[in-house]
N, C-alpha and C. Protein backbone atom coordinates (compact mmCIF):
# COMPACT_ATOMS: atom_id res chain seq x y z
N UNK A 1 117.31 159.68 141.80
CA UNK A 1 117.57 159.15 143.18
C UNK A 1 118.71 159.11 143.67
N UNK A 2 118.71 159.74 145.31
CA UNK A 2 119.90 159.44 145.90
C UNK A 2 120.26 158.09 146.38
N UNK A 3 121.71 158.08 146.22
CA UNK A 3 122.28 156.82 146.28
C UNK A 3 122.69 156.46 148.15
N UNK A 4 123.54 156.17 148.22
CA UNK A 4 123.69 155.18 149.99
C UNK A 4 122.86 154.39 150.72
N UNK A 5 122.12 153.26 150.29
CA UNK A 5 120.59 152.32 149.67
C UNK A 5 119.66 153.28 150.33
N UNK A 6 119.49 153.93 149.58
CA UNK A 6 118.17 154.89 149.41
C UNK A 6 117.18 154.21 149.20
N UNK A 7 116.17 154.21 149.87
CA UNK A 7 115.11 153.44 150.17
C UNK A 7 115.12 151.79 150.87
N UNK A 8 116.74 151.58 151.21
CA UNK A 8 116.64 150.32 152.01
C UNK A 8 116.80 150.69 153.37
N UNK A 9 117.24 152.17 154.12
CA UNK A 9 117.57 152.22 155.39
C UNK A 9 116.75 153.71 155.51
N UNK A 10 115.45 153.49 156.64
CA UNK A 10 114.80 154.55 157.26
C UNK A 10 115.80 155.70 158.28
N UNK A 11 116.75 155.21 158.69
CA UNK A 11 117.45 155.75 159.93
C UNK A 11 118.92 155.53 159.70
N UNK A 12 119.68 156.50 159.68
CA UNK A 12 121.21 156.49 159.87
C UNK A 12 121.57 158.03 160.01
N UNK A 13 123.14 157.93 160.17
CA UNK A 13 123.84 159.03 160.06
C UNK A 13 124.70 159.09 158.82
N UNK A 14 124.58 160.13 157.81
CA UNK A 14 124.92 159.62 156.54
C UNK A 14 125.93 160.71 156.16
N UNK A 15 126.89 160.05 156.12
CA UNK A 15 128.61 160.62 155.48
C UNK A 15 128.47 160.89 154.00
N UNK A 16 127.84 159.94 153.83
CA UNK A 16 128.60 159.72 152.30
C UNK A 16 127.99 160.83 151.27
N UNK A 17 128.77 161.02 149.71
CA UNK A 17 128.03 162.47 149.01
C UNK A 17 126.81 161.64 148.24
N UNK A 18 125.66 162.50 148.18
CA UNK A 18 124.86 162.05 147.07
C UNK A 18 125.22 161.85 145.37
N UNK A 19 124.72 160.84 145.23
CA UNK A 19 125.16 160.59 143.88
C UNK A 19 123.92 159.81 142.74
N UNK A 20 123.89 160.22 141.61
CA UNK A 20 122.66 159.54 140.65
C UNK A 20 122.86 158.22 140.52
N UNK A 21 121.68 157.70 140.53
CA UNK A 21 122.01 156.22 140.17
C UNK A 21 121.42 155.89 139.02
N UNK A 22 121.85 155.00 137.85
CA UNK A 22 120.80 154.63 136.80
C UNK A 22 120.93 153.23 137.06
N UNK A 23 119.54 152.58 137.05
CA UNK A 23 119.09 151.48 137.17
C UNK A 23 119.24 150.79 135.99
N UNK A 24 120.15 149.50 135.56
CA UNK A 24 120.22 148.76 134.67
C UNK A 24 118.74 147.99 134.50
N UNK A 25 118.22 147.65 133.36
CA UNK A 25 117.36 147.07 133.39
C UNK A 25 118.10 145.53 132.51
N UNK A 26 117.61 144.69 132.94
CA UNK A 26 118.23 143.30 132.45
C UNK A 26 117.33 142.21 132.68
N UNK A 27 116.14 142.55 132.63
CA UNK A 27 114.81 141.71 132.18
C UNK A 27 114.83 141.66 131.15
N UNK A 28 114.78 143.04 130.31
CA UNK A 28 114.30 142.73 128.75
C UNK A 28 112.53 142.92 128.80
N UNK A 29 112.13 143.50 129.76
CA UNK A 29 110.51 143.55 129.75
C UNK A 29 110.51 145.43 129.64
N UNK A 30 111.58 146.04 129.80
CA UNK A 30 111.45 147.33 129.45
C UNK A 30 110.83 148.24 130.95
N UNK A 31 110.95 147.22 132.07
CA UNK A 31 110.68 148.11 133.11
C UNK A 31 111.78 147.94 134.20
N UNK A 32 112.03 148.51 135.17
CA UNK A 32 113.41 147.98 136.00
C UNK A 32 112.64 147.29 137.38
N UNK A 33 113.73 146.22 137.02
CA UNK A 33 113.38 144.71 137.94
C UNK A 33 113.59 145.53 139.74
N UNK A 34 112.79 145.01 140.68
CA UNK A 34 113.14 145.25 141.79
C UNK A 34 113.92 144.38 142.40
N UNK A 35 114.25 143.32 142.10
CA UNK A 35 115.34 142.56 142.59
C UNK A 35 116.57 143.41 143.28
N UNK A 36 117.03 143.06 144.02
CA UNK A 36 117.91 144.21 144.44
C UNK A 36 119.50 143.43 144.28
N UNK A 37 119.53 141.86 143.58
CA UNK A 37 120.41 142.11 142.74
C UNK A 37 121.31 142.53 141.55
N UNK A 38 120.24 143.36 140.61
CA UNK A 38 120.53 144.19 139.76
C UNK A 38 121.59 145.46 139.89
N UNK A 39 122.22 145.11 138.97
CA UNK A 39 123.31 146.78 138.89
C UNK A 39 122.74 147.40 138.77
N UNK A 40 123.38 148.90 139.53
CA UNK A 40 123.21 150.08 139.28
C UNK A 40 124.38 150.63 138.89
N UNK A 41 124.06 152.04 138.00
CA UNK A 41 125.32 152.59 137.79
C UNK A 41 125.48 154.18 138.51
N UNK A 42 126.35 154.77 138.33
CA UNK A 42 126.02 156.21 138.88
C UNK A 42 125.97 156.43 137.25
N UNK A 43 125.49 158.26 137.20
CA UNK A 43 125.75 158.94 135.73
C UNK A 43 126.99 158.73 135.02
N UNK A 44 128.11 158.62 135.68
CA UNK A 44 129.10 158.84 135.13
C UNK A 44 129.76 157.03 134.57
N UNK A 45 128.82 156.53 134.83
CA UNK A 45 129.21 154.79 134.10
C UNK A 45 129.64 153.63 135.40
N UNK A 46 129.83 154.24 136.80
CA UNK A 46 130.31 153.47 137.61
C UNK A 46 129.30 152.46 138.17
N UNK A 47 129.84 151.32 137.85
CA UNK A 47 129.09 149.82 138.84
C UNK A 47 128.85 150.40 139.94
N UNK A 48 127.68 150.02 140.71
CA UNK A 48 127.54 150.45 142.40
C UNK A 48 127.43 148.98 142.90
N UNK A 49 128.21 148.69 143.72
CA UNK A 49 128.01 147.41 144.76
C UNK A 49 127.79 147.74 145.79
N UNK A 50 126.70 147.33 146.34
CA UNK A 50 125.98 147.37 147.74
C UNK A 50 126.53 146.80 148.49
N UNK A 51 127.62 147.15 149.80
CA UNK A 51 128.10 146.32 150.68
C UNK A 51 127.49 146.84 152.42
N UNK A 52 126.83 145.54 153.09
CA UNK A 52 126.65 145.60 154.21
C UNK A 52 127.37 145.24 155.23
N UNK A 53 127.84 146.06 156.25
CA UNK A 53 129.03 145.46 157.34
C UNK A 53 128.12 145.43 158.54
N UNK A 54 128.25 144.04 158.82
CA UNK A 54 127.32 143.42 160.54
C UNK A 54 128.79 142.98 161.38
N UNK A 55 127.88 143.06 162.46
CA UNK A 55 128.98 142.69 163.66
C UNK A 55 128.66 143.62 165.03
N UNK A 56 128.98 142.72 165.94
CA UNK A 56 128.50 143.18 166.90
C UNK A 56 129.17 144.72 167.55
N UNK A 57 128.28 145.50 168.50
CA UNK A 57 128.86 146.84 169.01
C UNK A 57 129.97 146.77 169.58
N UNK A 58 131.29 147.38 168.96
CA UNK A 58 132.16 147.59 169.75
C UNK A 58 133.40 146.86 169.04
N UNK A 59 133.41 146.21 168.13
CA UNK A 59 133.96 145.19 167.27
C UNK A 59 135.03 146.10 166.15
N UNK A 60 134.75 147.32 166.41
CA UNK A 60 135.59 148.01 165.26
C UNK A 60 135.03 148.50 163.59
N UNK A 61 133.82 148.13 163.43
CA UNK A 61 132.95 147.89 162.15
C UNK A 61 133.38 149.79 161.61
N UNK A 62 133.04 150.24 162.10
CA UNK A 62 133.01 151.96 161.55
C UNK A 62 134.67 152.27 161.60
N UNK A 63 135.63 152.03 162.56
CA UNK A 63 136.71 151.91 162.55
C UNK A 63 137.69 151.37 161.42
N UNK A 64 137.05 149.98 160.74
CA UNK A 64 137.81 149.63 159.54
C UNK A 64 136.78 150.20 158.44
N UNK A 65 136.08 150.54 158.20
CA UNK A 65 135.51 151.46 157.21
C UNK A 65 135.98 152.80 156.89
N UNK A 66 136.37 153.71 157.76
CA UNK A 66 136.81 154.69 157.82
C UNK A 66 137.97 154.24 157.76
N UNK A 67 138.63 153.46 158.06
CA UNK A 67 140.28 153.72 157.46
C UNK A 67 140.15 153.34 155.92
N UNK A 68 139.37 152.16 155.68
CA UNK A 68 139.11 151.96 154.34
C UNK A 68 138.95 153.47 153.15
N UNK A 69 137.97 154.00 153.37
CA UNK A 69 137.39 155.04 153.07
C UNK A 69 138.26 156.43 153.01
N UNK A 70 138.65 156.61 154.38
CA UNK A 70 139.32 158.05 154.52
C UNK A 70 141.02 157.96 155.30
N UNK A 71 141.19 156.47 155.25
CA UNK A 71 142.54 156.12 156.00
C UNK A 71 142.93 157.22 157.23
N UNK A 72 141.49 156.82 158.01
CA UNK A 72 141.57 157.45 159.46
C UNK A 72 141.36 156.70 160.57
N UNK A 73 141.52 156.84 161.45
CA UNK A 73 141.35 156.18 162.71
C UNK A 73 140.82 156.82 163.69
N UNK A 74 139.40 156.93 164.39
CA UNK A 74 139.07 157.33 165.56
C UNK A 74 139.26 156.20 167.30
N UNK A 75 140.23 156.37 167.67
CA UNK A 75 140.32 155.70 169.20
C UNK A 75 139.29 155.95 169.87
N UNK A 76 138.17 156.03 169.67
CA UNK A 76 137.02 156.74 170.85
C UNK A 76 135.65 155.50 169.99
N UNK A 77 134.65 155.12 170.66
CA UNK A 77 133.58 154.44 170.15
C UNK A 77 132.38 154.86 170.34
N UNK A 78 131.84 155.69 168.76
CA UNK A 78 131.01 156.26 168.92
C UNK A 78 129.75 155.52 168.59
N UNK A 79 128.73 155.00 169.04
CA UNK A 79 128.08 153.99 168.92
C UNK A 79 127.13 154.13 167.50
N UNK A 80 127.34 153.13 166.51
CA UNK A 80 126.28 154.00 165.33
C UNK A 80 125.18 153.27 165.03
N UNK A 81 124.10 154.36 164.84
CA UNK A 81 122.99 153.76 164.13
C UNK A 81 122.92 153.09 162.96
N UNK A 82 122.98 154.08 161.83
CA UNK A 82 123.54 153.52 160.64
C UNK A 82 124.15 154.65 159.94
N UNK A 83 125.48 154.16 159.30
CA UNK A 83 126.24 155.18 158.38
C UNK A 83 126.51 154.44 157.22
N UNK A 84 126.17 155.50 156.05
CA UNK A 84 126.90 154.56 154.64
C UNK A 84 128.05 155.92 153.89
N UNK A 85 128.88 155.23 153.14
CA UNK A 85 129.71 155.69 152.75
C UNK A 85 129.76 154.99 151.35
N UNK A 86 131.27 155.76 150.80
CA UNK A 86 131.13 155.54 148.99
C UNK A 86 132.55 155.81 148.81
N UNK A 87 132.95 154.52 148.30
CA UNK A 87 134.37 154.64 147.93
C UNK A 87 134.66 153.92 146.26
N UNK A 88 135.47 154.49 145.62
CA UNK A 88 135.31 153.89 144.08
C UNK A 88 136.78 152.63 144.74
N UNK A 89 136.76 151.51 143.58
CA UNK A 89 137.09 150.88 144.10
C UNK A 89 137.23 150.18 142.12
N UNK A 90 138.34 149.13 142.10
CA UNK A 90 138.45 148.29 140.81
C UNK A 90 137.59 147.23 141.71
N UNK A 91 136.87 146.73 140.57
CA UNK A 91 136.18 145.29 140.64
C UNK A 91 136.29 144.18 139.73
N UNK A 92 136.73 143.03 139.08
CA UNK A 92 137.19 142.59 138.24
C UNK A 92 137.60 143.33 137.47
N UNK A 93 138.49 144.34 137.42
CA UNK A 93 139.03 144.64 136.39
C UNK A 93 138.59 146.00 136.11
N UNK A 94 137.41 146.12 136.60
CA UNK A 94 137.05 147.86 136.15
C UNK A 94 136.32 148.86 137.73
N UNK A 95 136.52 149.98 137.05
CA UNK A 95 136.19 150.91 138.38
C UNK A 95 134.99 150.54 138.66
N UNK A 96 134.67 151.03 139.86
CA UNK A 96 133.21 150.69 140.36
C UNK A 96 132.99 151.63 141.67
N UNK A 97 132.17 151.86 142.12
CA UNK A 97 131.83 152.41 143.56
C UNK A 97 130.99 151.57 144.40
N UNK A 98 131.84 151.44 145.67
CA UNK A 98 131.30 150.55 146.27
C UNK A 98 130.62 151.52 147.78
N UNK A 99 129.13 150.82 147.86
CA UNK A 99 128.06 151.57 148.59
C UNK A 99 128.06 150.99 149.83
N UNK A 100 128.77 151.54 150.88
CA UNK A 100 129.01 150.43 152.01
C UNK A 100 128.17 150.97 153.39
N UNK A 101 127.35 150.54 153.97
CA UNK A 101 126.52 150.56 154.90
C UNK A 101 127.24 150.08 156.34
N UNK A 102 127.68 151.07 157.38
CA UNK A 102 128.14 150.33 157.88
C UNK A 102 126.63 150.30 159.28
N UNK A 103 126.15 149.04 160.15
CA UNK A 103 125.12 148.86 160.43
C UNK A 103 125.36 148.88 162.23
N UNK A 104 124.27 149.31 162.74
CA UNK A 104 124.16 149.05 164.47
C UNK A 104 124.63 147.67 164.76
N UNK A 105 125.26 147.61 165.69
CA UNK A 105 125.79 146.43 166.56
C UNK A 105 124.26 145.64 167.28
N UNK A 106 123.42 145.28 166.46
CA UNK A 106 122.50 144.29 167.05
C UNK A 106 122.10 143.59 165.85
N UNK A 107 122.33 142.09 166.73
CA UNK A 107 121.93 140.87 165.98
C UNK A 107 120.36 140.47 166.02
N UNK A 108 119.48 141.37 166.61
CA UNK A 108 118.23 141.09 166.73
C UNK A 108 117.25 141.77 165.31
N UNK A 109 116.40 140.72 164.82
CA UNK A 109 116.10 140.89 163.87
C UNK A 109 114.57 142.06 163.51
N UNK A 110 114.85 142.87 162.52
CA UNK A 110 113.79 144.01 162.56
C UNK A 110 113.74 144.87 161.47
N UNK A 111 112.35 144.96 161.13
CA UNK A 111 112.06 145.50 159.50
C UNK A 111 113.29 146.25 158.65
N UNK A 112 113.67 147.18 159.25
CA UNK A 112 114.75 148.22 158.40
C UNK A 112 116.51 146.95 158.76
N UNK A 113 116.54 146.26 159.17
CA UNK A 113 117.30 145.05 158.94
C UNK A 113 117.45 144.45 157.72
N UNK A 114 115.47 143.95 157.70
CA UNK A 114 115.23 143.00 156.29
C UNK A 114 115.69 144.15 155.04
N UNK A 115 115.15 144.98 155.40
CA UNK A 115 115.23 145.92 154.04
C UNK A 115 116.73 146.22 153.55
N UNK A 116 117.69 146.39 154.26
CA UNK A 116 119.21 146.58 153.64
C UNK A 116 119.71 145.36 153.56
N UNK A 117 119.51 144.29 154.09
CA UNK A 117 119.80 142.73 153.55
C UNK A 117 119.50 142.34 152.04
N UNK A 118 118.48 143.02 152.27
CA UNK A 118 117.59 142.66 151.04
C UNK A 118 118.30 143.51 149.26
N UNK A 119 118.60 144.18 150.25
CA UNK A 119 119.19 145.64 148.97
C UNK A 119 120.92 145.22 149.25
N UNK A 120 121.65 144.73 150.27
CA UNK A 120 122.68 144.25 150.11
C UNK A 120 123.30 143.26 148.80
N UNK A 121 124.76 143.95 148.09
CA UNK A 121 125.35 142.57 147.24
C UNK A 121 125.91 141.77 147.78
N UNK A 122 126.62 142.26 148.70
CA UNK A 122 127.95 141.74 149.16
C UNK A 122 127.95 141.68 151.16
N UNK A 123 128.67 141.02 151.93
CA UNK A 123 128.43 141.15 153.18
C UNK A 123 129.82 141.24 154.03
N UNK A 124 130.01 141.70 154.89
CA UNK A 124 131.24 141.79 155.73
C UNK A 124 130.64 141.40 157.20
N UNK A 125 131.07 140.42 157.57
CA UNK A 125 131.13 140.36 159.21
C UNK A 125 132.20 140.40 159.98
N UNK A 126 131.92 141.32 160.50
CA UNK A 126 132.92 141.52 161.34
C UNK A 126 132.97 141.26 163.14
N UNK A 127 134.15 140.58 163.99
CA UNK A 127 134.28 140.28 164.77
C UNK A 127 135.47 140.66 165.72
N UNK A 128 135.63 140.91 167.24
CA UNK A 128 137.10 141.21 167.47
C UNK A 128 137.60 140.28 167.97
N UNK A 129 138.88 140.08 167.90
CA UNK A 129 139.97 138.95 168.37
C UNK A 129 139.75 139.01 169.89
N UNK A 130 139.58 140.32 170.31
CA UNK A 130 139.45 139.93 172.02
C UNK A 130 138.16 140.02 172.63
N UNK A 131 137.21 139.69 171.94
CA UNK A 131 135.91 139.47 172.70
C UNK A 131 135.32 138.17 172.18
N UNK A 132 135.34 137.35 172.42
CA UNK A 132 134.73 135.41 172.12
C UNK A 132 133.45 135.94 171.84
N UNK A 133 132.67 137.06 172.84
CA UNK A 133 130.58 136.38 172.30
C UNK A 133 130.75 136.94 170.70
N UNK A 134 131.42 138.07 170.70
CA UNK A 134 131.20 138.72 169.02
C UNK A 134 131.47 137.53 168.16
N UNK A 135 132.51 136.57 168.49
CA UNK A 135 132.74 135.80 167.48
C UNK A 135 131.84 134.86 167.40
N UNK A 136 131.16 134.53 168.63
CA UNK A 136 130.01 133.63 168.87
C UNK A 136 128.98 133.92 167.73
N UNK A 137 128.75 134.94 167.76
CA UNK A 137 127.39 136.07 167.28
C UNK A 137 127.72 136.07 165.76
N UNK A 138 128.82 136.25 165.20
CA UNK A 138 129.23 136.06 163.25
C UNK A 138 128.61 134.88 163.61
N UNK A 139 128.14 133.55 163.62
CA UNK A 139 127.76 132.41 163.24
C UNK A 139 125.63 133.31 162.95
N UNK A 140 125.39 134.07 163.94
CA UNK A 140 123.95 134.34 164.30
C UNK A 140 123.87 135.72 163.00
N UNK A 141 124.72 135.84 162.81
CA UNK A 141 124.80 137.06 161.60
C UNK A 141 124.53 136.39 160.31
N UNK A 142 125.30 135.65 160.11
CA UNK A 142 125.29 134.83 158.67
C UNK A 142 124.43 133.87 158.52
N UNK A 143 123.72 133.60 159.74
CA UNK A 143 121.95 132.83 159.87
C UNK A 143 121.09 133.79 159.36
N UNK A 144 121.00 135.07 160.14
CA UNK A 144 120.28 135.80 159.96
C UNK A 144 120.24 136.64 158.09
N UNK A 145 121.17 136.87 157.37
CA UNK A 145 121.47 136.85 156.00
C UNK A 145 120.99 135.85 155.45
N UNK A 146 121.21 134.53 155.53
CA UNK A 146 120.41 133.33 154.95
C UNK A 146 118.79 133.61 154.88
N UNK A 147 118.56 133.66 156.37
CA UNK A 147 117.03 133.72 156.42
C UNK A 147 116.34 135.11 155.68
N UNK A 148 116.92 136.16 155.74
CA UNK A 148 116.47 137.07 154.89
C UNK A 148 116.45 136.93 153.77
N UNK A 149 117.40 136.28 152.92
CA UNK A 149 117.68 136.31 151.34
C UNK A 149 117.49 134.83 151.03
N UNK A 150 116.77 134.00 151.93
CA UNK A 150 116.22 132.65 151.60
C UNK A 150 117.19 132.08 150.57
N UNK A 151 118.43 132.09 150.79
CA UNK A 151 119.59 131.55 150.21
C UNK A 151 120.74 131.50 151.17
N UNK A 152 121.86 130.16 150.73
CA UNK A 152 122.86 129.75 151.34
C UNK A 152 124.05 130.72 150.49
N UNK A 153 123.67 131.10 149.36
CA UNK A 153 124.39 131.45 148.15
C UNK A 153 124.62 132.83 148.55
N UNK A 154 125.78 133.36 149.45
CA UNK A 154 125.68 134.65 150.46
C UNK A 154 127.39 135.48 149.52
N UNK A 155 127.68 136.22 149.07
CA UNK A 155 128.94 136.57 148.69
C UNK A 155 129.06 137.55 150.23
N UNK A 156 130.46 136.79 151.07
CA UNK A 156 130.33 137.07 152.46
C UNK A 156 132.09 137.09 152.41
N UNK A 157 132.46 138.05 153.14
CA UNK A 157 133.90 137.85 153.77
C UNK A 157 133.58 137.71 155.43
N UNK A 158 134.47 136.99 156.19
CA UNK A 158 134.68 137.11 157.54
C UNK A 158 135.81 137.96 158.19
N UNK A 159 135.67 138.85 158.76
CA UNK A 159 136.97 139.64 159.13
C UNK A 159 136.81 139.88 160.29
N UNK A 160 138.10 139.13 160.99
CA UNK A 160 138.50 139.58 162.61
C UNK A 160 139.51 140.98 162.85
N UNK A 161 138.55 141.94 163.63
CA UNK A 161 139.57 142.83 164.23
C UNK A 161 140.39 142.80 165.48
N UNK A 162 140.76 144.26 165.35
CA UNK A 162 141.89 144.42 166.34
C UNK A 162 143.20 143.48 166.93
N UNK A 163 143.89 143.20 165.87
CA UNK A 163 144.84 142.26 165.32
C UNK A 163 146.22 142.82 166.66
N UNK A 164 145.72 144.15 166.72
CA UNK A 164 147.48 144.89 167.47
C UNK A 164 147.15 144.64 169.07
N UNK A 165 146.35 144.19 168.96
CA UNK A 165 145.89 143.77 170.48
C UNK A 165 146.19 142.56 171.21
N UNK A 166 147.36 141.58 170.68
CA UNK A 166 147.37 140.32 170.98
C UNK A 166 147.57 140.02 172.03
N UNK A 167 147.78 140.93 173.45
CA UNK A 167 147.95 140.39 174.63
C UNK A 167 146.56 140.59 175.04
N UNK A 168 145.21 141.11 174.47
CA UNK A 168 144.01 140.55 174.74
C UNK A 168 143.20 139.68 173.89
N UNK A 169 143.65 138.65 173.13
CA UNK A 169 143.36 137.98 172.46
C UNK A 169 142.32 136.45 173.10
N UNK A 170 141.14 136.58 172.34
CA UNK A 170 140.56 135.50 172.95
C UNK A 170 140.22 134.91 172.00
N UNK A 171 140.32 135.10 170.52
CA UNK A 171 139.77 134.34 169.84
C UNK A 171 140.85 133.66 168.94
N UNK A 172 141.70 132.52 168.91
CA UNK A 172 142.41 132.56 167.49
C UNK A 172 142.53 132.37 166.44
N UNK A 173 143.70 132.45 165.36
CA UNK A 173 143.62 132.83 164.12
C UNK A 173 143.00 131.55 163.18
N UNK A 174 143.06 130.23 164.00
CA UNK A 174 142.81 129.03 163.39
C UNK A 174 141.17 129.17 163.56
N UNK A 175 140.84 129.43 164.82
CA UNK A 175 139.06 129.78 164.76
C UNK A 175 138.57 130.27 163.83
N UNK A 176 139.00 131.59 163.83
CA UNK A 176 138.51 132.30 162.71
C UNK A 176 138.60 131.28 161.32
N UNK A 177 139.61 130.94 160.89
CA UNK A 177 139.75 129.93 159.94
C UNK A 177 138.67 129.01 159.53
N UNK A 178 138.53 128.30 160.79
CA UNK A 178 137.85 127.10 160.77
C UNK A 178 136.16 127.90 160.52
N UNK A 179 135.81 128.80 161.16
CA UNK A 179 134.73 129.48 161.01
C UNK A 179 134.50 130.22 159.28
N UNK A 180 135.02 130.39 159.08
CA UNK A 180 135.09 130.83 157.40
C UNK A 180 134.97 129.92 156.23
N UNK A 181 135.92 128.90 156.89
CA UNK A 181 135.22 127.46 156.00
C UNK A 181 134.13 127.03 156.24
N UNK A 182 133.53 126.75 157.35
CA UNK A 182 131.97 126.86 157.50
C UNK A 182 131.24 127.55 156.59
N UNK A 183 131.55 128.86 156.54
CA UNK A 183 130.70 129.86 155.79
C UNK A 183 131.18 129.59 154.09
N UNK A 184 132.23 129.08 153.79
CA UNK A 184 132.75 129.14 152.64
C UNK A 184 133.13 130.64 151.87
N UNK A 185 133.47 130.89 152.60
CA UNK A 185 134.10 132.93 152.35
C UNK A 185 135.55 132.92 153.02
N UNK A 186 136.45 134.18 152.25
CA UNK A 186 137.43 134.67 152.56
C UNK A 186 137.65 135.09 154.20
N UNK A 187 138.66 134.85 154.70
CA UNK A 187 138.78 135.59 156.16
C UNK A 187 140.08 136.48 156.24
N UNK A 188 139.67 137.18 157.01
CA UNK A 188 141.21 138.33 156.94
C UNK A 188 141.23 138.59 158.57
N UNK A 189 142.53 138.90 159.35
CA UNK A 189 142.44 139.73 160.54
C UNK A 189 142.77 141.00 159.89
N UNK A 190 142.80 141.69 160.74
CA UNK A 190 142.69 143.23 160.45
C UNK A 190 142.93 143.71 161.62
N UNK A 191 143.91 145.02 161.51
CA UNK A 191 144.00 146.09 162.49
C UNK A 191 143.57 147.48 162.17
N UNK A 192 142.12 147.90 162.55
CA UNK A 192 141.69 149.26 161.64
C UNK A 192 142.75 150.41 162.54
N UNK A 193 143.49 149.90 163.86
CA UNK A 193 144.06 150.84 164.29
C UNK A 193 145.60 150.68 163.60
N UNK A 194 146.01 150.03 162.90
CA UNK A 194 147.65 149.89 162.73
C UNK A 194 147.14 150.06 160.87
N UNK A 195 145.84 149.76 160.59
CA UNK A 195 145.14 149.83 158.76
C UNK A 195 145.75 148.36 158.53
N UNK A 196 146.09 147.70 158.95
CA UNK A 196 146.72 146.30 158.45
C UNK A 196 145.82 145.15 157.91
N UNK A 197 145.89 145.11 156.64
CA UNK A 197 144.86 144.71 156.18
C UNK A 197 143.61 145.15 155.52
N UNK A 198 143.42 145.95 155.89
CA UNK A 198 142.05 146.72 155.48
C UNK A 198 141.66 146.61 154.15
N UNK A 199 142.77 146.85 153.09
CA UNK A 199 142.03 147.17 151.73
C UNK A 199 141.63 145.74 151.57
N UNK A 200 142.68 144.56 151.67
CA UNK A 200 142.72 143.20 151.31
C UNK A 200 141.02 142.88 152.08
N UNK A 201 140.53 142.86 152.94
CA UNK A 201 139.25 143.18 153.59
C UNK A 201 138.28 143.44 152.65
N UNK A 202 138.26 144.87 152.34
CA UNK A 202 136.96 144.80 151.53
C UNK A 202 137.49 144.33 149.87
């Protein structure tokens, strides 16, 4: 079965390599559970974590993701449909593969979004410090995740991007920290352009 959220998205620009997944049977029944939280591994034994990045269009989700996986920055905005990327990382002291889905910047509920939110094991909500509306929409994305997954217990990180554009800042650091406290999640301010705190956010 191909990777990159295979079966969870119907439409995306795929820049990730194809890999083979081995579902790990955890229910003792001899059948592969269909629960999205069941672990997957690659054929080489790497644990796969499916990460979904959410946020308004233009906040720099793709730029943050590209900096993380390829240490590169594109200084123009190419509106995303859905892109998926893969990157090796160390999780809890073990080598793992992050399967990262960079989503379109629309908060509206769709069947496609329902699918990849159910498949996601961790979520990153991004906003721009230069765009107050994107900050306000972060709460809507958080509500959307909870509605789809029917739980408030959500592995989540809140990321404020475009830290390099201080002269255009519309959202303070304290506001971001306060929102993250409401979410019960870590908070990072990043700059995709300068690669500040990119690895920490992921």
